[in-house]
């Protein structure tokens, strides 16, 4: 868990709804509702948005950065989700060291609660994480690979001495990696090592480096979200 401590200490960047084109903002975006759910004895808050509560739709669990809010990712993803008919689930993540140990179980608990409110295609539940949320997305993808169909991570990497986590995955969950060319916290060389680790273990991997971009999410949210959805949407849990 000390790796999460390093991530949290180094990065405190909150993102807002910028990076969305005027035409995208014109789309009809459903207003998120705030829900609370008890998981493993603790209460967690999350935002939930669905363009159609009666149809079984794919869903993305959105994991924000250190010091951020669930809305940081919910807002930028809203227009795309409305257009593509995707359920968005964005938990408020505790900025505490103990959370890493329970994160995969809490993520499943939150999504399961959302499934009781709206219809979700259980074979098409995805992860998207930014910075600290990206770090935790690796935990969710590797330790709950039978639950999440694929994952996309921006501005995060697997810590070098935490590489054995990939051997915990029961299936080779596809992962898309995004990094800014000038990211001071997760420079491309570090994310490339994660790419090479996953590819070497047989995981389907997409890697995209964004020229001139630093660690921030807001300026490139529209580009990353579109590419991430193009990647995620091609996968579903097999044999179910």
Protein backbone atom coordinates (compact mmCIF):
# COMPACT_ATOMS: atom_id res chain seq x y z
CA UNK A 1 0.00 0.00 0.00
CA UNK A 2 3.01 2.34 0.26
CA UNK A 3 2.86 2.75 -3.53
CA UNK A 4 -0.56 4.37 -3.21
CA UNK A 5 0.89 6.63 -0.53
CA UNK A 6 3.54 7.81 -2.99
CA UNK A 7 0.91 8.41 -5.65
CA UNK A 8 -1.35 10.36 -3.31
CA UNK A 9 1.48 12.43 -1.88
CA UNK A 10 2.87 13.35 -5.29
CA UNK A 11 -0.33 14.21 -7.08
CA UNK A 12 -3.29 16.41 -6.07
CA UNK A 13 -4.90 17.41 -9.34
CA UNK A 14 -8.68 17.65 -9.66
CA UNK A 15 -10.29 17.66 -13.10
CA UNK A 16 -13.51 19.37 -14.18
CA UNK A 17 -15.79 19.17 -17.20
CA UNK A 18 -13.44 20.95 -19.60
CA UNK A 19 -12.09 19.42 -22.76
CA UNK A 20 -15.54 18.75 -24.21
CA UNK A 21 -16.44 20.28 -27.56
CA UNK A 22 -19.42 22.68 -27.81
CA UNK A 23 -21.26 20.25 -30.07
CA UNK A 24 -20.79 17.46 -27.52
CA UNK A 25 -22.17 19.65 -24.74
CA UNK A 26 -25.32 20.07 -26.77
CA UNK A 27 -26.10 16.36 -26.40
CA UNK A 28 -28.81 15.38 -23.96
CA UNK A 29 -26.87 14.29 -20.87
CA UNK A 30 -28.87 12.74 -18.02
CA UNK A 31 -28.36 14.33 -14.62
CA UNK A 32 -26.40 12.00 -12.31
CA UNK A 33 -27.96 10.88 -9.08
CA UNK A 34 -25.99 10.51 -5.86
CA UNK A 35 -26.24 7.21 -4.03
CA UNK A 36 -24.81 5.70 -0.87
CA UNK A 37 -23.97 2.04 -0.38
CA UNK A 38 -22.47 0.08 2.50
CA UNK A 39 -19.56 -2.16 1.50
CA UNK A 40 -17.63 -4.23 4.04
CA UNK A 41 -18.98 -2.20 6.93
CA UNK A 42 -18.23 1.25 5.49
CA UNK A 43 -20.46 3.68 3.63
CA UNK A 44 -19.43 4.90 0.17
CA UNK A 45 -20.97 7.60 -1.99
CA UNK A 46 -21.08 7.46 -5.76
CA UNK A 47 -22.69 9.17 -8.74
CA UNK A 48 -24.80 7.18 -11.21
CA UNK A 49 -25.97 8.18 -14.66
CA UNK A 50 -27.83 6.13 -17.28
CA UNK A 51 -29.36 7.25 -20.59
CA UNK A 52 -31.92 4.44 -20.35
CA UNK A 53 -32.86 2.76 -17.07
CA UNK A 54 -34.76 -0.05 -18.78
CA UNK A 55 -32.24 -1.32 -21.35
CA UNK A 56 -29.24 -3.45 -20.35
CA UNK A 57 -26.33 -1.14 -21.21
CA UNK A 58 -22.55 -1.31 -20.85
CA UNK A 59 -21.12 0.53 -17.84
CA UNK A 60 -17.89 2.28 -16.94
CA UNK A 61 -16.64 2.64 -13.38
CA UNK A 62 -14.85 6.00 -13.28
CA UNK A 63 -12.03 6.42 -10.74
CA UNK A 64 -10.86 9.97 -10.05
CA UNK A 65 -7.42 11.27 -9.09
CA UNK A 66 -5.99 12.07 -5.66
CA UNK A 67 -7.81 14.91 -3.93
CA UNK A 68 -10.48 14.88 -6.61
CA UNK A 69 -14.22 14.27 -6.80
CA UNK A 70 -16.43 11.75 -8.53
CA UNK A 71 -17.72 14.57 -10.75
CA UNK A 72 -14.22 15.17 -12.14
CA UNK A 73 -14.68 12.24 -14.51
CA UNK A 74 -18.47 12.03 -14.58
CA UNK A 75 -18.81 15.44 -16.26
CA UNK A 76 -16.31 14.95 -19.12
CA UNK A 77 -17.62 11.45 -19.85
CA UNK A 78 -21.29 12.55 -19.81
CA UNK A 79 -21.78 13.59 -23.47
CA UNK A 80 -20.04 10.49 -24.83
CA UNK A 81 -22.04 8.23 -22.52
CA UNK A 82 -25.31 9.83 -23.63
CA UNK A 83 -24.39 9.43 -27.29
CA UNK A 84 -23.11 5.86 -26.98
CA UNK A 85 -25.69 4.75 -24.40
CA UNK A 86 -23.35 3.92 -21.55
CA UNK A 87 -24.01 3.81 -17.80
CA UNK A 88 -21.51 5.85 -15.76
CA UNK A 89 -20.68 4.95 -12.16
CA UNK A 90 -18.29 7.28 -10.31
CA UNK A 91 -17.44 6.54 -6.66
CA UNK A 92 -15.96 9.07 -4.28
CA UNK A 93 -12.64 7.41 -3.43
CA UNK A 94 -11.23 7.80 0.09
CA UNK A 95 -7.79 9.40 0.13
CA UNK A 96 -6.61 6.87 2.71
CA UNK A 97 -3.95 4.15 2.61
CA UNK A 98 -6.25 1.42 3.91
CA UNK A 99 -8.50 1.74 0.87
CA UNK A 100 -6.14 0.02 -1.56
CA UNK A 101 -6.52 -3.31 0.21
CA UNK A 102 -10.30 -3.27 -0.16
CA UNK A 103 -10.60 -1.36 -3.45
CA UNK A 104 -11.41 -4.29 -5.80
CA UNK A 105 -14.15 -5.55 -3.47
CA UNK A 106 -15.58 -2.05 -3.00
CA UNK A 107 -15.60 -1.44 -6.76
CA UNK A 108 -17.65 -4.60 -7.30
CA UNK A 109 -19.95 -3.66 -4.43
CA UNK A 110 -20.59 -0.21 -5.89
CA UNK A 111 -21.32 -1.59 -9.36
CA UNK A 112 -23.60 -4.27 -7.89
CA UNK A 113 -25.56 -1.54 -6.11
CA UNK A 114 -25.86 0.41 -9.36
CA UNK A 115 -27.21 -2.72 -11.03
CA UNK A 116 -30.11 -2.68 -8.58
CA UNK A 117 -31.00 0.83 -9.71
CA UNK A 118 -30.48 0.59 -13.48
CA UNK A 119 -29.99 -2.26 -15.93
CA UNK A 120 -26.36 -3.08 -16.73
CA UNK A 121 -24.91 -5.60 -19.17
CA UNK A 122 -22.81 -7.66 -16.74
CA UNK A 123 -20.52 -8.81 -19.54
CA UNK A 124 -19.59 -5.22 -20.43
CA UNK A 125 -18.51 -3.49 -17.22
CA UNK A 126 -15.30 -1.49 -17.66
CA UNK A 127 -12.80 0.50 -15.61
CA UNK A 128 -11.41 3.95 -16.37
CA UNK A 129 -8.97 5.53 -13.95
CA UNK A 130 -6.94 8.73 -13.81
CA UNK A 131 -3.76 9.12 -11.71
CA UNK A 132 -4.54 7.63 -8.27
CA UNK A 133 -7.72 6.23 -9.80
CA UNK A 134 -5.63 4.71 -12.57
CA UNK A 135 -3.35 3.09 -10.02
CA UNK A 136 -6.41 1.59 -8.34
CA UNK A 137 -7.81 0.55 -11.72
CA UNK A 138 -4.87 -1.82 -12.08
CA UNK A 139 -5.89 -3.39 -8.76
CA UNK A 140 -9.46 -3.77 -9.96
CA UNK A 141 -8.47 -5.14 -13.36
CA UNK A 142 -5.99 -7.69 -12.03
CA UNK A 143 -7.80 -8.78 -8.86
CA UNK A 144 -11.31 -8.76 -10.37
CA UNK A 145 -10.53 -9.78 -13.94
CA UNK A 146 -13.61 -12.01 -13.99
CA UNK A 147 -15.81 -8.97 -13.29
CA UNK A 148 -14.37 -6.14 -15.39
CA UNK A 149 -14.22 -6.77 -19.13
CA UNK A 150 -11.43 -4.25 -19.85
CA UNK A 151 -9.68 -1.23 -18.35
CA UNK A 152 -8.27 2.11 -19.50
CA UNK A 153 -5.76 4.09 -17.46
CA UNK A 154 -4.50 7.64 -17.89
CA UNK A 155 -1.43 8.99 -16.06
CA UNK A 156 -0.59 5.97 -13.92
CA UNK A 157 1.56 2.84 -13.96
CA UNK A 158 2.14 -0.33 -11.97
CA UNK A 159 4.93 0.20 -9.41
CA UNK A 160 8.06 -1.75 -10.31
CA UNK A 161 8.09 -3.96 -7.21
CA UNK A 162 4.34 -4.52 -7.46
CA UNK A 163 4.58 -6.27 -10.83
CA UNK A 164 3.46 -9.66 -9.39
CA UNK A 165 -0.09 -8.29 -9.26
CA UNK A 166 -0.49 -9.20 -12.93
CA UNK A 167 -0.09 -12.87 -12.03
CA UNK A 168 -3.24 -12.59 -9.88
CA UNK A 169 -5.45 -12.06 -12.93
CA UNK A 170 -7.49 -15.13 -13.85
CA UNK A 171 -7.87 -13.80 -17.40
CA UNK A 172 -5.81 -11.52 -19.60
CA UNK A 173 -7.95 -8.42 -19.17
CA UNK A 174 -7.35 -5.89 -22.01
CA UNK A 175 -5.77 -2.62 -20.86
CA UNK A 176 -5.36 0.73 -22.64
CA UNK A 177 -2.62 3.03 -21.33
CA UNK A 178 -2.49 6.79 -21.89
CA UNK A 179 0.31 9.12 -20.83
CA UNK A 180 1.34 12.70 -21.42
CA UNK A 181 4.73 13.23 -23.01
CA UNK A 182 5.64 15.69 -20.23
CA UNK A 183 4.03 13.98 -17.23
CA UNK A 184 6.38 14.64 -14.28
CA UNK A 185 4.79 11.99 -12.04
CA UNK A 186 4.36 9.15 -14.52
CA UNK A 187 6.75 9.86 -17.42
CA UNK A 188 6.34 7.80 -20.60
CA UNK A 189 9.30 5.54 -19.77
CA UNK A 190 7.54 4.39 -16.59
CA UNK A 191 4.23 3.73 -18.33
CA UNK A 192 6.07 1.94 -21.13
CA UNK A 193 7.48 -0.48 -18.56
CA UNK A 194 3.92 -1.28 -17.50
CA UNK A 195 2.98 -1.70 -21.17
CA UNK A 196 5.85 -4.10 -21.73
CA UNK A 197 5.05 -6.04 -18.56
CA UNK A 198 1.42 -6.57 -19.57
CA UNK A 199 2.23 -7.36 -23.21
CA UNK A 200 4.93 -9.79 -22.11
CA UNK A 201 2.36 -11.63 -19.98
CA UNK A 202 -0.06 -11.89 -22.90
CA UNK A 203 -2.48 -9.08 -22.00
CA UNK A 204 -3.98 -7.16 -24.95
CA UNK A 205 -2.54 -3.64 -24.59
CA UNK A 206 -3.04 -0.29 -26.30
CA UNK A 207 -0.52 2.47 -25.58
CA UNK A 208 -0.97 6.11 -26.55
CA UNK A 209 1.47 8.91 -25.70
CA UNK A 210 0.11 12.46 -26.00
CA UNK A 211 2.64 15.02 -27.30
CA UNK A 212 3.17 18.10 -25.14
CA UNK A 213 0.74 16.96 -22.43
CA UNK A 214 1.54 16.92 -18.72
CA UNK A 215 -0.28 15.06 -15.94
CA UNK A 216 -3.57 16.96 -16.22
CA UNK A 217 -6.72 15.26 -17.47
CA UNK A 218 -9.04 18.15 -18.31
CA UNK A 219 -7.23 19.50 -21.41
CA UNK A 220 -7.21 16.08 -23.10
CA UNK A 221 -10.37 14.55 -21.61
CA UNK A 222 -12.36 14.50 -24.86
CA UNK A 223 -9.55 12.87 -26.83
CA UNK A 224 -8.74 10.27 -24.18
CA UNK A 225 -12.37 9.39 -23.47
CA UNK A 226 -13.18 8.86 -27.15
CA UNK A 227 -10.14 6.65 -27.67
CA UNK A 228 -10.71 4.77 -24.44
CA UNK A 229 -14.32 4.01 -25.33
CA UNK A 230 -13.29 2.85 -28.80
CA UNK A 231 -10.94 0.40 -27.08
CA UNK A 232 -13.16 -0.70 -24.18
CA UNK A 233 -16.30 -1.20 -26.24
CA UNK A 234 -14.72 -3.96 -28.33
CA UNK A 235 -14.42 -6.28 -25.32
CA UNK A 236 -16.81 -8.29 -23.19
CA UNK A 237 -16.39 -11.05 -20.64
CA UNK A 238 -15.96 -14.35 -22.51
CA UNK A 239 -18.02 -17.51 -22.32
CA UNK A 240 -21.04 -16.16 -20.44
